[in-house]
């Protein structure tokens, strides 16, 4: 009877670790940038207002 208890405990530990591993590898929403449309950010003359702006983030 003691052997079954130890086996059940070990199987329970393995099940919990597999579940935690599954949670760790679950897809997490990643931050991704859209394709930059740099042509709309560039103007012919320095004083012109661009149609769009490039947002740059550095860490």
Protein backbone atom coordinates (compact mmCIF):
# COMPACT_ATOMS: atom_id res chain seq x y z
CA UNK A 1 0.00 0.00 0.00
CA UNK A 2 2.89 2.35 0.77
CA UNK A 3 4.31 1.81 -2.74
CA UNK A 4 1.09 3.03 -4.31
CA UNK A 5 1.10 6.17 -2.18
CA UNK A 6 4.66 7.04 -3.20
CA UNK A 7 3.84 6.33 -6.85
CA UNK A 8 0.74 8.52 -6.69
CA UNK A 9 2.70 11.36 -5.07
CA UNK A 10 5.42 11.15 -7.74
CA UNK A 11 2.82 11.08 -10.53
CA UNK A 12 1.11 14.09 -8.96
CA UNK A 13 4.39 16.00 -8.85
CA UNK A 14 5.09 15.13 -12.49
CA UNK A 15 1.56 16.25 -13.48
CA UNK A 16 2.00 19.59 -11.69
CA UNK A 17 5.41 20.16 -13.30
CA UNK A 18 4.05 19.33 -16.76
CA UNK A 19 1.18 21.77 -16.20
CA UNK A 20 3.58 24.50 -15.10
CA UNK A 21 5.74 23.79 -18.16
CA UNK A 22 2.67 24.11 -20.37
CA UNK A 23 1.83 27.48 -18.79
CA UNK A 24 5.40 28.69 -19.26
CA UNK A 25 5.38 27.80 -22.96
CA UNK A 26 1.90 29.18 -23.61
CA UNK A 27 1.80 31.80 -26.34
CA UNK A 28 2.14 35.25 -24.87
CA UNK A 29 0.94 38.26 -26.78
CA UNK A 30 4.07 39.87 -28.13
CA UNK A 31 4.47 43.50 -29.01
CA UNK A 32 5.15 43.86 -32.70
CA UNK A 33 5.39 46.94 -34.84
CA UNK A 34 3.35 47.41 -37.96
CA UNK A 35 5.21 47.87 -41.21
CA UNK A 36 6.55 51.40 -41.33
CA UNK A 37 5.38 53.50 -44.23
CA UNK A 38 8.42 55.73 -44.36
CA UNK A 39 7.43 57.31 -47.67
CA UNK A 40 4.59 59.15 -45.93
CA UNK A 41 7.04 60.40 -43.29
CA UNK A 42 9.42 62.00 -45.78
CA UNK A 43 8.66 65.38 -47.33
CA UNK A 44 10.16 67.09 -50.34
CA UNK A 45 10.92 70.31 -48.46
CA UNK A 46 12.04 70.66 -44.84
CA UNK A 47 9.12 72.97 -43.92
CA UNK A 48 6.36 70.64 -45.17
CA UNK A 49 4.24 68.73 -42.68
CA UNK A 50 4.58 64.95 -43.14
CA UNK A 51 1.48 62.78 -43.56
CA UNK A 52 2.71 60.42 -40.82
CA UNK A 53 5.37 60.22 -38.14
CA UNK A 54 7.75 57.48 -37.09
CA UNK A 55 7.49 56.54 -33.42
CA UNK A 56 10.78 55.22 -32.03
CA UNK A 57 11.05 53.48 -28.68
CA UNK A 58 14.41 52.59 -27.17
CA UNK A 59 15.10 50.74 -23.97
